[in-house]
Amino acid sequence: PFLNTEYLGIIVDTNNQLVKHSPLRLKKIRKAINYGFDRKKMILYLRNSLGTPAESGFVPMGLPSFDTNAVKGYHFDPVKAKKLLAEAGYPDGKGLPTIKLLTIDAYLEMGNFIAKQLNELGIPVQIEVVQKSLLLTMTANSTALFFRGSWIADYPDTENYLSVFYSKNPAPPNYTRYSNPAFDALFEKAIREENDSVRYRLYQQADQVMIDDAPIIPLWYDKVVRLVQPTVKNFTTSALNLMELRYTTIDKH
C-alpha cells in the first residue's frame, strides 16, 4: 500500500455562504452521495484494480490503526441512498439543485463516472475542470464547496490523517472546515496516549465519528507499482513511496 487517500471533500462550515444555500449542508445528502456510486467498479475499470475501494474511514491501509472492522464507512447501496434522499426532503431527487464538483483534468474520467451514477439516483452532479493551482487556492481559501482531493502522508502516523479534521486546524489542512467536539476530544486524547493499542482504538473511534458526519467521500486507498530488474538486489519498498537505496546492489554477473 501507498499512504495516500483519494477523496471528495465538502465544506461543512454552515457559516460559509456557499454552504448556507447548498443541499450539501444536509448530512443525509452527503451520506446519500457516499452510498450512491460503486467504488469497486470505479477501481476496476478506471484504475485497472490499482488501489483499494475506500469503504472504511479516511485513514488508509498501511497504517497500524487501519481496521475495516473497527471503522465502518460506505459501500454502493442505491436503495439506502434513495432512502436518505427522501428523508432529506428530496424524494427521487425531486427539487434537488445541481451540485458542482471541482476537479482537475487528470481526474475528469473518475468525476464523470461518479456523476453518471449519482445522476441515475436523482442526485444531479456537474463536473467542472479547473487548473490544479486554482483548485489548491480555492480549497485553501474555503471557496471550493465540493472538490476532489488527495492526502499523502507526510509521516507514517494516523495523527497526520486525522489532523485534517481537527477543528483548531485552519485550511489547510482542514479543507472541509469540519468541526465536531466529540472528534476533537478523541483526537486530543489519542495524541496524548502513550500506549499504542489504546491510541489506535481512540483514532479508530475518531475516524468513525468523522466518517459518520460525512464531510468527505473517500474514494480509494492507493497502491504503488514498482518494476525492478532481476539484477537489482535488496531494493526495499516504503508506504511513503520513498526509495531506500542504502542496501541496494546490482548483480553484474
Protein backbone atom coordinates (compact mmCIF):
# COMPACT_ATOMS: atom_id res chain seq x y z
CA PRO A 1 0.00 0.00 0.00
CA PHE A 2 0.90 3.64 -0.55
CA LEU A 3 -0.14 6.07 2.19
CA ASN A 4 -2.49 8.15 0.09
CA THR A 5 -6.26 8.51 0.43
CA GLU A 6 -8.13 9.86 -2.59
CA TYR A 7 -11.40 11.55 -1.69
CA LEU A 8 -14.03 14.16 -2.45
CA GLY A 9 -14.25 16.93 0.12
CA ILE A 10 -17.25 19.04 1.15
CA ILE A 11 -17.10 22.26 3.13
CA VAL A 12 -19.43 21.75 6.11
CA ASP A 13 -18.99 25.07 7.93
CA THR A 14 -22.54 26.46 7.95
CA ASN A 15 -21.19 29.99 8.45
CA ASN A 16 -19.77 29.79 4.93
CA GLN A 17 -22.12 31.43 2.41
CA LEU A 18 -21.53 28.61 -0.09
CA VAL A 19 -22.77 26.08 2.45
CA LYS A 20 -25.83 28.02 3.62
CA HIS A 21 -27.58 27.73 0.27
CA SER A 22 -26.42 24.24 -0.73
CA PRO A 23 -28.10 20.87 -0.16
CA LEU A 24 -24.64 19.62 0.84
CA ARG A 25 -25.20 21.27 4.21
CA LEU A 26 -27.50 18.31 4.95
CA LYS A 27 -25.74 15.26 6.34
CA LYS A 28 -28.25 12.91 4.71
CA ILE A 29 -27.40 14.28 1.26
CA ARG A 30 -23.68 13.81 1.92
CA LYS A 31 -24.31 10.25 3.10
CA ALA A 32 -26.51 9.56 0.06
CA ILE A 33 -23.62 10.59 -2.18
CA ASN A 34 -21.34 8.23 -0.25
CA TYR A 35 -23.72 5.33 -0.88
CA GLY A 36 -24.56 6.41 -4.41
CA PHE A 37 -21.69 5.12 -6.56
CA ASP A 38 -19.75 1.89 -6.96
CA ARG A 39 -16.16 2.27 -5.77
CA LYS A 40 -15.29 -1.31 -6.69
CA LYS A 41 -16.28 -0.81 -10.35
CA MET A 42 -14.53 2.55 -10.42
CA ILE A 43 -11.24 1.00 -9.28
CA LEU A 44 -11.63 -1.98 -11.63
CA TYR A 45 -12.48 -0.04 -14.79
CA LEU A 46 -10.70 3.27 -14.33
CA ARG A 47 -7.60 2.23 -12.37
CA ASN A 48 -7.10 -1.35 -13.54
CA SER A 49 -7.55 -2.50 -9.92
CA LEU A 50 -4.67 -0.32 -8.71
CA GLY A 51 -5.99 0.75 -5.33
CA THR A 52 -8.46 -0.49 -2.73
CA PRO A 53 -12.03 0.89 -2.57
CA ALA A 54 -12.22 3.25 0.41
CA GLU A 55 -15.09 1.66 2.32
CA SER A 56 -13.68 2.35 5.78
CA GLY A 57 -12.56 5.76 7.08
CA PHE A 58 -10.07 8.40 5.97
CA VAL A 59 -7.09 6.53 7.44
CA PRO A 60 -5.63 4.32 4.68
CA MET A 61 -4.29 0.79 4.53
CA GLY A 62 -0.67 0.59 5.60
CA LEU A 63 -1.11 2.29 8.96
CA PRO A 64 -1.37 0.07 12.07
CA SER A 65 -4.67 1.63 13.20
CA PHE A 66 -6.36 0.71 9.90
CA ASP A 67 -9.12 -1.82 10.61
CA THR A 68 -12.19 -2.30 8.45
CA ASN A 69 -13.98 -3.99 11.35
CA ALA A 70 -13.37 -1.04 13.68
CA VAL A 71 -14.23 1.76 11.23
CA LYS A 72 -17.29 1.27 9.04
CA GLY A 73 -17.57 3.52 6.02
CA TYR A 74 -19.75 3.43 2.91
CA HIS A 75 -20.32 0.97 0.09
CA PHE A 76 -22.51 1.09 -3.01
CA ASP A 77 -26.12 0.90 -1.81
CA PRO A 78 -28.54 2.72 -4.14
CA VAL A 79 -31.56 1.71 -2.04
CA LYS A 80 -30.08 3.32 1.06
CA ALA A 81 -29.01 6.38 -0.97
CA LYS A 82 -32.57 6.87 -2.26
CA LYS A 83 -33.98 6.46 1.26
CA LEU A 84 -31.62 9.15 2.57
CA LEU A 85 -32.59 11.44 -0.32
CA ALA A 86 -36.26 11.08 0.58
CA GLU A 87 -35.58 11.65 4.28
CA ALA A 88 -33.69 14.84 3.37
CA GLY A 89 -36.79 16.12 1.57
CA TYR A 90 -35.83 15.23 -2.00
CA PRO A 91 -37.69 12.02 -2.95
CA ASP A 92 -36.06 10.58 -6.09
CA GLY A 93 -34.04 13.81 -6.21
CA LYS A 94 -37.08 15.97 -6.98
CA GLY A 95 -36.23 19.62 -6.34
CA LEU A 96 -32.56 18.89 -5.66
CA PRO A 97 -30.42 21.59 -7.29
CA THR A 98 -27.38 20.66 -9.38
CA ILE A 99 -24.24 20.11 -7.31
CA LYS A 100 -20.94 21.21 -8.85
CA LEU A 101 -17.83 19.08 -8.31
CA LEU A 102 -14.47 20.76 -8.91
CA THR A 103 -11.64 18.57 -10.13
CA ILE A 104 -8.54 18.67 -12.31
CA ASP A 105 -8.24 17.23 -15.80
CA ALA A 106 -6.40 14.09 -14.67
CA TYR A 107 -9.46 13.04 -12.65
CA LEU A 108 -12.14 14.01 -15.18
CA GLU A 109 -12.94 10.41 -16.14
CA MET A 110 -13.34 9.49 -12.48
CA GLY A 111 -15.57 12.51 -11.89
CA ASN A 112 -17.76 11.60 -14.86
CA PHE A 113 -18.11 8.02 -13.59
CA ILE A 114 -19.30 9.23 -10.18
CA ALA A 115 -21.56 11.91 -11.65
CA LYS A 116 -23.25 9.41 -14.01
CA GLN A 117 -24.11 7.02 -11.19
CA LEU A 118 -25.31 9.81 -8.90
CA ASN A 119 -27.43 11.33 -11.67
CA GLU A 120 -29.12 7.96 -12.16
CA LEU A 121 -30.14 8.08 -8.49
CA GLY A 122 -31.54 11.59 -8.81
CA ILE A 123 -28.52 13.49 -7.47
CA PRO A 124 -27.57 15.92 -10.26
CA VAL A 125 -23.80 16.45 -10.30
CA GLN A 126 -21.97 18.69 -12.75
CA ILE A 127 -18.21 18.31 -13.20
CA GLU A 128 -16.11 21.44 -13.58
CA VAL A 129 -12.45 21.05 -14.52
CA VAL A 130 -10.06 23.72 -13.20
CA GLN A 131 -6.30 24.16 -13.13
CA LYS A 132 -4.58 22.42 -10.23
CA SER A 133 -3.12 25.71 -8.93
CA LEU A 134 -6.58 27.29 -8.88
CA LEU A 135 -8.14 24.32 -7.10
CA LEU A 136 -5.40 24.42 -4.44
CA THR A 137 -6.03 28.13 -3.92
CA MET A 138 -9.80 27.64 -3.71
CA THR A 139 -9.58 24.79 -1.21
CA ALA A 140 -7.12 26.77 0.93
CA ASN A 141 -9.48 29.77 0.88
CA SER A 142 -12.61 27.68 1.51
CA THR A 143 -14.19 28.76 -1.78
CA ALA A 144 -14.48 25.24 -3.27
CA LEU A 145 -17.65 23.75 -1.82
CA PHE A 146 -17.29 20.28 -3.36
CA PHE A 147 -13.86 19.23 -4.57
CA ARG A 148 -11.57 16.31 -5.33
CA GLY A 149 -8.58 15.91 -3.06
CA SER A 150 -5.71 13.62 -2.08
CA TRP A 151 -3.98 13.23 1.25
CA ILE A 152 -0.50 11.75 1.02
CA ALA A 153 1.16 11.10 4.37
CA ASP A 154 3.88 13.48 5.49
CA TYR A 155 4.93 10.82 8.00
CA PRO A 156 3.55 7.33 8.74
CA ASP A 157 1.23 8.07 11.65
CA THR A 158 -2.57 8.20 11.90
CA GLU A 159 -2.35 11.62 13.53
CA ASN A 160 -1.21 13.02 10.18
CA TYR A 161 -4.51 11.93 8.62
CA LEU A 162 -6.96 12.82 11.36
CA SER A 163 -5.40 16.25 11.95
CA VAL A 164 -7.12 17.14 8.66
CA PHE A 165 -10.42 17.21 10.60
CA TYR A 166 -9.29 18.78 13.88
CA SER A 167 -11.37 21.93 14.31
CA LYS A 168 -8.48 24.01 15.67
CA ASN A 169 -6.59 23.50 12.41
CA PRO A 170 -7.29 26.02 9.64
CA ALA A 171 -7.47 25.24 5.94
CA PRO A 172 -5.03 23.78 5.12
CA PRO A 173 -5.16 21.08 6.36
CA ASN A 174 -8.83 21.26 7.45
CA TYR A 175 -10.13 21.93 3.94
CA THR A 176 -13.69 20.88 4.81
CA ARG A 177 -13.77 23.18 7.87
CA TYR A 178 -15.06 20.20 9.81
CA SER A 179 -15.81 20.75 13.49
CA ASN A 180 -17.14 18.24 16.00
CA PRO A 181 -16.31 18.40 19.74
CA ALA A 182 -16.61 14.61 20.05
CA PHE A 183 -14.00 14.13 17.32
CA ASP A 184 -11.71 16.77 18.83
CA ALA A 185 -11.87 15.14 22.28
CA LEU A 186 -10.93 11.72 20.89
CA PHE A 187 -8.16 13.18 18.73
CA GLU A 188 -6.65 15.14 21.64
CA LYS A 189 -6.82 12.10 23.90
CA ALA A 190 -5.14 9.95 21.25
CA ILE A 191 -2.18 12.25 20.68
CA ARG A 192 -1.51 12.27 24.45
CA GLU A 193 -1.83 8.49 24.80
CA GLU A 194 1.47 6.57 25.05
CA ASN A 195 0.05 3.05 24.79
CA ASP A 196 -0.10 2.24 21.08
CA SER A 197 -3.04 -0.17 21.18
CA VAL A 198 -5.13 2.30 23.21
CA ARG A 199 -4.09 5.14 20.90
CA TYR A 200 -5.13 3.15 17.82
CA ARG A 201 -8.57 2.49 19.31
CA LEU A 202 -9.03 6.20 20.01
CA TYR A 203 -8.02 7.05 16.45
CA GLN A 204 -10.48 4.48 15.13
CA GLN A 205 -13.28 5.99 17.21
CA ALA A 206 -12.38 9.48 15.97
CA ASP A 207 -12.28 8.29 12.35
CA GLN A 208 -15.73 6.71 12.82
CA VAL A 209 -17.21 9.91 14.28
CA MET A 210 -15.92 11.89 11.32
CA ILE A 211 -16.96 9.42 8.64
CA ASP A 212 -20.47 9.27 10.11
CA ASP A 213 -20.69 13.06 9.68
CA ALA A 214 -19.61 12.64 6.04
CA PRO A 215 -17.59 15.81 5.34
CA ILE A 216 -15.77 13.66 2.77
CA ILE A 217 -16.47 10.91 0.27
CA PRO A 218 -13.48 8.53 0.45
CA LEU A 219 -12.71 7.06 -2.99
CA TRP A 220 -9.75 4.68 -2.69
CA TYR A 221 -6.66 3.83 -0.68
CA ASP A 222 -3.74 3.95 -3.04
CA LYS A 223 -1.20 1.38 -4.11
CA VAL A 224 2.07 1.83 -5.94
CA VAL A 225 3.63 -0.45 -8.54
CA ARG A 226 7.39 -0.89 -8.89
CA LEU A 227 9.12 -2.73 -11.71
CA VAL A 228 12.56 -3.97 -10.72
CA GLN A 229 15.19 -5.60 -12.93
CA PRO A 230 16.20 -9.13 -11.81
CA THR A 231 19.77 -7.92 -11.32
CA VAL A 232 18.70 -5.41 -8.66
CA LYS A 233 19.00 -6.87 -5.16
CA ASN A 234 17.81 -5.72 -1.71
CA PHE A 235 15.53 -3.00 -3.07
CA THR A 236 13.03 -2.28 -0.32
CA THR A 237 9.64 -0.61 -0.56
CA SER A 238 8.09 2.05 1.65
CA ALA A 239 4.46 3.00 2.28
CA LEU A 240 5.60 6.62 1.89
CA ASN A 241 6.82 5.72 -1.62
CA LEU A 242 10.38 6.68 -0.71
CA MET A 243 13.33 4.88 -2.28
CA GLU A 244 15.72 3.37 0.25
CA LEU A 245 18.90 2.58 -1.67
CA ARG A 246 21.47 2.15 1.10
CA TYR A 247 21.43 -1.64 0.87
CA THR A 248 20.51 -1.96 -2.80
CA THR A 249 23.05 -3.61 -5.06
CA ILE A 250 23.26 -4.57 -8.72
CA ASP A 251 24.35 -8.07 -9.57
CA LYS A 252 26.61 -7.73 -12.63
CA HIS A 253 27.16 -11.46 -13.08
